[in-house]
Amino acid sequence: MIEMPVEEFVDPHIHLFDLKGTPRPMQPLGKLFGWNERVLRFMATKLMPNDTIAFFGDKTDLLGDYLPPHYRADTASSKVGRYVHIQAGWTDDKPLDPVGETAWLDALEDGPAGIVAHADLSLGADVARVLKAHRSASSRLRGIRHMLSWHPSDTIMDFAHKAELSRTSSFRAGFDQLAEHDLSYDAWCYSTQLGEVAELAAYNPSVPMVLCHAGTPIGYAGEYGGIGVSTQERARIGDEWRAGIDAVAAQGHVHCKLSGLLMPVLGFGYESSSAPTVAELVDKLGPIVEHCIDAFGPERCMVASNFPVDRVGASYQAVTAAMVEITARYGADAQQAMFADTAVSFYRI
């Protein structure tokens, strides 16, 4: 049992999915080969785009279901109570399609205390009808994530359809609708886009915003997709990431999720090596976590798991134990905020 510093760890960033029963890009494979996980994994690695496999790791847990019982099994010794689901690959050919994910989540037993859904903010003011439909689908809707992650290199997977998406007039008109509907915004970008996120936050401070995954510095710890190939380049990436974090943190209404640090894109390489010890995680992740806490303050930081995505690098117990140790020097009140109170307040749960 981990010696948690709080009575209840409120996890503000996980992803649930039913591979075979809900509309997702992998659904056809799930229906064909879901009867045998080894066959499913083999076929997926053959048919999935190379950048997708590289981004999530070839040992990823995204090739099967991840439902509340799976999450509870992962978190059994970590005092996790309530949690927040963040939109997760629901097929959205039409603007209203993502509302199906919200309705599905609302019907789950032991479902999320808060839901961050997807809506295409590029619809501008017309996104209002999508936001209203999400609200009708669940009273637990709290925010929207329209991913901004885009990189000029062909070796890096994009999650946005174009560069500088949030600087377009249509996106900003949609962003304004979040304030009109009392919804927050989850901003996920790469570290090269942190200036863009800072601009978006300054554009309309009435929209509560949280930066996902500490800004995801590609190649920070090691080579990924041809980025971070040398010590000098990694030092530059770190310097630019820290400056970007400081710029976002200067917007006083923006929060930060301490999560996503074991995704392969950061370059730690744990997805293809033996599982790291807690001491190693403390040593490697500590500088990232501490800079975010020092920039935002504990009251604007949330420890989050990003499971099952981050499980490719380490177990829930190992990651949580490392985060407990890293944050200990900030004191009991700060840990109470980062492991529970900030998430409860931001997502109103």
Protein backbone atom coordinates (compact mmCIF):
# COMPACT_ATOMS: atom_id res chain seq x y z
CA MET A 1 0.00 0.00 0.00
CA ILE A 2 1.33 3.42 -0.99
CA GLU A 3 1.51 5.94 1.85
CA MET A 4 -0.76 8.46 0.18
CA PRO A 5 -0.74 11.99 1.62
CA VAL A 6 -4.52 12.36 1.16
CA GLU A 7 -7.61 10.41 2.18
CA GLU A 8 -8.83 10.39 -1.42
CA PHE A 9 -6.75 10.80 -4.56
CA VAL A 10 -8.94 12.49 -7.18
CA ASP A 11 -7.48 11.56 -10.56
CA PRO A 12 -8.33 14.30 -13.08
CA HIS A 13 -7.11 12.66 -16.28
CA ILE A 14 -7.92 9.13 -17.43
CA HIS A 15 -9.31 7.60 -20.61
CA LEU A 16 -12.06 4.97 -20.76
CA PHE A 17 -12.99 3.06 -23.90
CA ASP A 18 -14.87 0.03 -25.13
CA LEU A 19 -12.93 -1.05 -28.20
CA LYS A 20 -15.55 -3.37 -29.66
CA GLY A 21 -18.77 -1.73 -28.51
CA THR A 22 -18.30 1.94 -29.36
CA PRO A 23 -17.36 3.82 -32.55
CA ARG A 24 -13.59 4.18 -32.63
CA PRO A 25 -10.94 3.86 -35.34
CA MET A 26 -9.92 0.47 -33.89
CA GLN A 27 -13.47 -0.88 -33.65
CA PRO A 28 -13.34 -3.02 -36.84
CA LEU A 29 -10.17 -4.74 -35.61
CA GLY A 30 -11.70 -5.22 -32.20
CA LYS A 31 -14.74 -6.92 -33.65
CA LEU A 32 -12.67 -9.18 -35.90
CA PHE A 33 -9.88 -10.16 -33.53
CA GLY A 34 -11.04 -9.16 -30.05
CA TRP A 35 -11.55 -12.82 -29.16
CA ASN A 36 -7.77 -13.24 -28.94
CA GLU A 37 -5.63 -10.41 -27.52
CA ARG A 38 -2.40 -11.74 -29.05
CA VAL A 39 -3.95 -11.89 -32.50
CA LEU A 40 -5.52 -8.45 -32.03
CA ARG A 41 -2.20 -6.93 -31.00
CA PHE A 42 -0.37 -8.59 -33.92
CA MET A 43 -2.91 -7.36 -36.48
CA ALA A 44 -3.00 -3.89 -34.96
CA THR A 45 0.76 -3.48 -35.21
CA LYS A 46 0.53 -4.52 -38.86
CA LEU A 47 -2.37 -2.25 -39.77
CA MET A 48 -2.00 0.79 -37.50
CA PRO A 49 -0.03 3.74 -38.92
CA ASN A 50 3.62 3.72 -37.86
CA ASP A 51 3.39 7.13 -36.21
CA THR A 52 0.49 5.91 -34.06
CA ILE A 53 2.42 2.84 -32.89
CA ALA A 54 5.50 4.96 -32.22
CA PHE A 55 3.54 7.57 -30.28
CA PHE A 56 1.76 5.17 -27.94
CA GLY A 57 4.42 2.42 -27.91
CA ASP A 58 4.10 -1.06 -29.37
CA LYS A 59 3.25 -2.39 -25.90
CA THR A 60 0.39 0.05 -25.51
CA ASP A 61 -2.77 -0.92 -23.65
CA LEU A 62 -4.96 0.90 -26.15
CA LEU A 63 -5.60 -2.31 -28.10
CA GLY A 64 -8.22 -3.59 -25.68
CA ASP A 65 -11.01 -2.28 -23.49
CA TYR A 66 -10.34 0.04 -20.56
CA LEU A 67 -13.41 0.36 -18.37
CA PRO A 68 -14.01 1.27 -14.71
CA PRO A 69 -13.18 -2.26 -13.43
CA HIS A 70 -9.84 -2.17 -15.28
CA TYR A 71 -9.08 1.26 -13.82
CA ARG A 72 -10.01 0.18 -10.30
CA ALA A 73 -7.72 -2.83 -10.61
CA ASP A 74 -4.84 -0.55 -11.60
CA THR A 75 -5.48 1.87 -8.76
CA ALA A 76 -6.31 -0.57 -5.96
CA SER A 77 -3.49 0.55 -3.64
CA SER A 78 -3.52 4.26 -4.44
CA LYS A 79 -6.61 5.57 -2.58
CA VAL A 80 -8.25 6.71 -5.81
CA GLY A 81 -11.86 7.74 -5.36
CA ARG A 82 -13.36 10.06 -7.95
CA TYR A 83 -11.87 10.53 -11.39
CA VAL A 84 -12.32 12.60 -14.54
CA HIS A 85 -12.53 11.10 -18.03
CA ILE A 86 -10.94 13.03 -20.91
CA GLN A 87 -12.18 12.48 -24.45
CA ALA A 88 -10.62 9.41 -25.99
CA GLY A 89 -10.76 8.70 -29.70
CA TRP A 90 -14.51 8.54 -30.27
CA THR A 91 -15.13 8.65 -34.02
CA ASP A 92 -16.46 12.08 -34.94
CA ASP A 93 -17.34 12.24 -38.62
CA LYS A 94 -20.18 14.68 -37.84
CA PRO A 95 -20.18 17.55 -35.31
CA LEU A 96 -22.66 15.89 -32.96
CA ASP A 97 -20.98 12.46 -33.00
CA PRO A 98 -18.84 13.08 -29.86
CA VAL A 99 -22.01 13.52 -27.83
CA GLY A 100 -22.31 9.75 -28.04
CA GLU A 101 -19.22 9.40 -25.86
CA THR A 102 -20.72 11.63 -23.19
CA ALA A 103 -23.96 9.62 -23.16
CA TRP A 104 -22.00 6.34 -23.01
CA LEU A 105 -19.92 7.57 -20.06
CA ASP A 106 -23.01 8.81 -18.23
CA ALA A 107 -24.51 5.32 -18.39
CA LEU A 108 -21.45 3.50 -16.98
CA GLU A 109 -21.54 1.95 -13.54
CA ASP A 110 -18.85 3.58 -11.37
CA GLY A 111 -18.44 6.18 -14.09
CA PRO A 112 -16.47 9.43 -13.96
CA ALA A 113 -17.29 12.24 -11.55
CA GLY A 114 -16.48 14.68 -14.31
CA ILE A 115 -16.44 14.45 -18.10
CA VAL A 116 -14.27 16.45 -20.49
CA ALA A 117 -15.74 15.87 -23.92
CA HIS A 118 -14.70 16.70 -27.46
CA ALA A 119 -16.31 19.39 -29.57
CA ASP A 120 -14.92 20.92 -32.75
CA LEU A 121 -14.33 24.52 -31.70
CA SER A 122 -13.52 25.36 -35.31
CA LEU A 123 -17.28 25.39 -35.88
CA GLY A 124 -17.21 28.84 -34.32
CA ALA A 125 -20.43 30.03 -32.74
CA ASP A 126 -22.21 27.02 -34.27
CA VAL A 127 -20.46 24.78 -31.72
CA ALA A 128 -23.09 25.98 -29.23
CA ARG A 129 -25.50 23.28 -30.40
CA VAL A 130 -22.87 20.62 -29.75
CA LEU A 131 -22.18 21.97 -26.26
CA LYS A 132 -25.90 22.02 -25.48
CA ALA A 133 -26.22 18.41 -26.65
CA HIS A 134 -23.29 17.37 -24.44
CA ARG A 135 -24.96 19.07 -21.48
CA SER A 136 -28.21 17.26 -22.18
CA ALA A 137 -26.34 13.94 -22.36
CA SER A 138 -24.79 14.28 -18.89
CA SER A 139 -24.97 16.58 -15.90
CA ARG A 140 -21.34 15.62 -15.25
CA LEU A 141 -20.02 17.46 -18.29
CA ARG A 142 -17.38 19.91 -17.09
CA GLY A 143 -15.23 20.87 -20.04
CA ILE A 144 -14.05 20.40 -23.60
CA ARG A 145 -10.77 19.22 -25.08
CA HIS A 146 -10.11 20.04 -28.72
CA MET A 147 -6.51 18.90 -29.09
CA LEU A 148 -3.96 21.37 -30.47
CA SER A 149 -0.96 19.03 -30.71
CA TRP A 150 0.73 19.58 -34.07
CA HIS A 151 4.37 19.39 -35.10
CA PRO A 152 6.10 20.31 -38.38
CA SER A 153 8.10 17.05 -38.44
CA ASP A 154 6.57 14.14 -40.34
CA THR A 155 7.92 11.79 -37.66
CA ILE A 156 5.66 13.27 -34.96
CA MET A 157 2.00 12.33 -34.77
CA ASP A 158 -0.43 15.25 -35.10
CA PHE A 159 -3.69 15.42 -33.16
CA ALA A 160 -4.79 18.73 -34.69
CA HIS A 161 -5.62 19.05 -38.37
CA LYS A 162 -3.48 22.16 -38.87
CA ALA A 163 -0.76 24.29 -37.31
CA GLU A 164 -1.71 27.22 -35.06
CA LEU A 165 -5.31 26.05 -34.93
CA SER A 166 -6.13 28.12 -31.85
CA ARG A 167 -5.08 31.31 -33.61
CA THR A 168 -7.82 31.01 -36.24
CA SER A 169 -10.88 33.23 -35.92
CA SER A 170 -13.25 30.26 -36.17
CA PHE A 171 -11.55 28.39 -33.31
CA ARG A 172 -11.58 31.46 -31.10
CA ALA A 173 -15.27 32.04 -31.80
CA GLY A 174 -15.87 28.46 -30.67
CA PHE A 175 -13.60 28.98 -27.66
CA ASP A 176 -15.74 31.96 -26.63
CA GLN A 177 -18.74 29.63 -26.48
CA LEU A 178 -17.10 27.71 -23.63
CA ALA A 179 -17.50 30.78 -21.42
CA GLU A 180 -21.10 31.14 -22.53
CA HIS A 181 -21.82 27.54 -21.49
CA ASP A 182 -19.80 27.56 -18.24
CA LEU A 183 -17.27 25.02 -19.49
CA SER A 184 -13.52 24.75 -19.02
CA TYR A 185 -10.90 23.97 -21.65
CA ASP A 186 -8.26 21.23 -21.52
CA ALA A 187 -5.31 22.37 -23.64
CA TRP A 188 -3.05 19.67 -24.96
CA CYS A 189 -0.15 20.80 -27.10
CA TYR A 190 3.52 20.05 -27.67
CA SER A 191 6.06 22.23 -25.92
CA THR A 192 6.81 24.09 -29.16
CA GLN A 193 3.22 25.39 -28.99
CA LEU A 194 3.21 26.69 -25.42
CA GLY A 195 3.37 30.28 -26.65
CA GLU A 196 0.22 29.63 -28.67
CA VAL A 197 -1.56 28.30 -25.57
CA ALA A 198 -0.47 31.31 -23.53
CA GLU A 199 -1.95 33.57 -26.23
CA LEU A 200 -5.22 31.64 -26.20
CA ALA A 201 -5.47 31.93 -22.44
CA ALA A 202 -4.85 35.67 -22.59
CA TYR A 203 -7.39 36.06 -25.40
CA ASN A 204 -10.33 35.06 -23.17
CA PRO A 205 -9.46 34.69 -19.46
CA SER A 206 -13.11 33.94 -18.62
CA VAL A 207 -12.60 30.37 -19.89
CA PRO A 208 -10.99 28.26 -17.12
CA MET A 209 -8.06 26.41 -18.69
CA VAL A 210 -5.78 23.55 -17.72
CA LEU A 211 -2.59 22.58 -19.54
CA CYS A 212 -2.47 18.83 -20.09
CA HIS A 213 0.65 16.72 -19.53
CA ALA A 214 2.98 19.54 -18.49
CA GLY A 215 3.21 20.74 -22.06
CA THR A 216 4.66 17.50 -23.54
CA PRO A 217 8.28 18.40 -24.39
CA ILE A 218 9.20 16.09 -27.29
CA GLY A 219 12.71 14.67 -27.00
CA TYR A 220 13.29 16.17 -23.57
CA ALA A 221 14.93 13.06 -22.13
CA GLY A 222 16.10 11.21 -25.23
CA GLU A 223 15.71 10.83 -28.97
CA TYR A 224 12.22 10.49 -30.36
CA GLY A 225 11.41 10.78 -34.05
CA GLY A 226 14.74 12.41 -34.79
CA ILE A 227 14.26 15.04 -32.07
CA GLY A 228 16.47 15.23 -28.99
CA VAL A 229 19.34 13.30 -30.58
CA SER A 230 22.13 15.09 -28.72
CA THR A 231 22.80 16.41 -25.24
CA GLN A 232 22.93 19.93 -26.61
CA GLU A 233 19.60 19.61 -28.38
CA ARG A 234 17.94 18.16 -25.28
CA ALA A 235 19.29 21.07 -23.23
CA ARG A 236 17.77 23.50 -25.73
CA ILE A 237 14.44 21.65 -25.64
CA GLY A 238 14.46 21.86 -21.85
CA ASP A 239 15.24 25.57 -21.85
CA GLU A 240 12.49 26.32 -24.38
CA TRP A 241 10.00 24.14 -22.51
CA ARG A 242 10.71 25.91 -19.20
CA ALA A 243 10.27 29.32 -20.84
CA GLY A 244 7.01 28.14 -22.38
CA ILE A 245 5.72 26.80 -19.06
CA ASP A 246 6.54 30.13 -17.42
CA ALA A 247 4.61 31.98 -20.15
CA VAL A 248 1.51 29.83 -19.68
CA ALA A 249 1.77 30.01 -15.88
CA ALA A 250 1.82 33.82 -16.11
CA GLN A 251 -1.86 33.57 -17.05
CA GLY A 252 -3.21 33.29 -13.52
CA HIS A 253 -6.38 31.38 -14.43
CA VAL A 254 -4.51 28.50 -16.12
CA HIS A 255 -3.84 25.27 -14.21
CA CYS A 256 -1.39 22.45 -15.00
CA LYS A 257 -1.72 18.67 -15.02
CA LEU A 258 1.34 16.80 -13.81
CA SER A 259 0.77 13.83 -16.06
CA GLY A 260 1.63 12.18 -19.36
CA LEU A 261 5.35 12.11 -18.59
CA LEU A 262 5.80 8.45 -19.52
CA MET A 263 4.49 8.80 -23.06
CA PRO A 264 7.24 7.64 -25.47
CA VAL A 265 7.37 11.07 -27.11
CA LEU A 266 9.28 12.55 -24.15
CA GLY A 267 12.15 10.17 -24.83
CA PHE A 268 12.62 8.40 -21.49
CA GLY A 269 12.37 5.06 -23.30
CA TYR A 270 10.64 3.09 -20.55
CA GLU A 271 8.16 1.66 -23.05
CA SER A 272 10.96 -0.49 -24.52
CA SER A 273 12.97 -1.23 -21.37
CA SER A 274 12.46 -2.87 -18.01
CA ALA A 275 10.09 -1.11 -15.65
CA PRO A 276 11.72 1.79 -13.82
CA THR A 277 12.03 1.83 -10.05
CA VAL A 278 10.28 4.50 -8.00
CA ALA A 279 13.68 6.04 -7.21
CA GLU A 280 14.48 6.28 -10.92
CA LEU A 281 11.14 7.92 -11.67
CA VAL A 282 11.73 10.44 -8.90
CA ASP A 283 15.14 11.26 -10.35
CA LYS A 284 13.98 11.54 -13.96
CA LEU A 285 10.55 13.12 -13.57
CA GLY A 286 11.39 15.35 -10.62
CA PRO A 287 12.85 18.29 -12.57
CA ILE A 288 9.78 18.47 -14.84
CA VAL A 289 7.29 18.23 -12.01
CA GLU A 290 9.13 20.66 -9.78
CA HIS A 291 9.45 23.32 -12.46
CA CYS A 292 5.70 23.16 -13.12
CA ILE A 293 4.89 23.41 -9.41
CA ASP A 294 7.29 26.30 -8.94
CA ALA A 295 5.80 28.10 -11.96
CA PHE A 296 2.09 27.52 -11.33
CA GLY A 297 2.09 27.03 -7.56
CA PRO A 298 0.66 23.90 -5.89
CA GLU A 299 -2.82 25.42 -5.84
CA ARG A 300 -2.89 25.37 -9.66
CA CYS A 301 -1.35 21.92 -10.16
CA MET A 302 -3.06 18.53 -10.36
CA VAL A 303 -1.36 15.16 -10.16
CA ALA A 304 -3.00 12.96 -12.80
CA SER A 305 -2.33 9.51 -14.23
CA ASN A 306 -3.15 9.62 -17.96
CA PHE A 307 -3.97 5.92 -17.66
CA PRO A 308 -3.95 3.64 -19.47
CA VAL A 309 -1.71 5.59 -21.88
CA ASP A 310 1.14 6.02 -19.39
CA ARG A 311 0.97 2.38 -18.33
CA VAL A 312 3.26 1.61 -21.25
CA GLY A 313 6.05 3.08 -19.10
CA ALA A 314 5.27 2.10 -15.51
CA SER A 315 2.57 0.84 -13.18
CA TYR A 316 0.06 3.11 -11.52
CA GLN A 317 1.59 2.34 -8.15
CA ALA A 318 5.11 3.25 -9.28
CA VAL A 319 4.05 6.52 -10.89
CA THR A 320 1.90 7.52 -7.92
CA ALA A 321 4.60 6.65 -5.40
CA ALA A 322 7.10 8.74 -7.35
CA MET A 323 4.73 11.71 -7.46
CA VAL A 324 4.15 11.45 -3.71
CA GLU A 325 7.89 11.54 -3.12
CA ILE A 326 8.56 14.37 -5.57
CA THR A 327 5.84 16.58 -4.09
CA ALA A 328 6.65 15.86 -0.43
CA ARG A 329 9.01 18.82 -0.08
CA TYR A 330 6.14 21.22 -0.76
CA GLY A 331 4.34 20.15 2.44
CA ALA A 332 1.09 18.50 3.44
CA ASP A 333 -1.22 21.35 2.39
CA ALA A 334 0.35 21.50 -1.06
CA GLN A 335 0.00 17.74 -1.52
CA GLN A 336 -3.65 17.93 -0.46
CA ALA A 337 -4.17 20.49 -3.20
CA MET A 338 -2.25 18.64 -5.91
CA PHE A 339 -3.70 15.18 -5.21
CA ALA A 340 -7.28 16.24 -4.58
CA ASP A 341 -8.49 19.77 -3.89
CA THR A 342 -7.34 21.50 -7.08
CA ALA A 343 -9.03 18.90 -9.27
CA VAL A 344 -12.23 19.02 -7.20
CA SER A 345 -12.35 22.79 -7.44
CA PHE A 346 -11.40 23.13 -11.12
CA TYR A 347 -13.79 20.43 -12.34
CA ARG A 348 -16.47 21.27 -9.74
CA ILE A 349 -16.81 17.71 -8.51
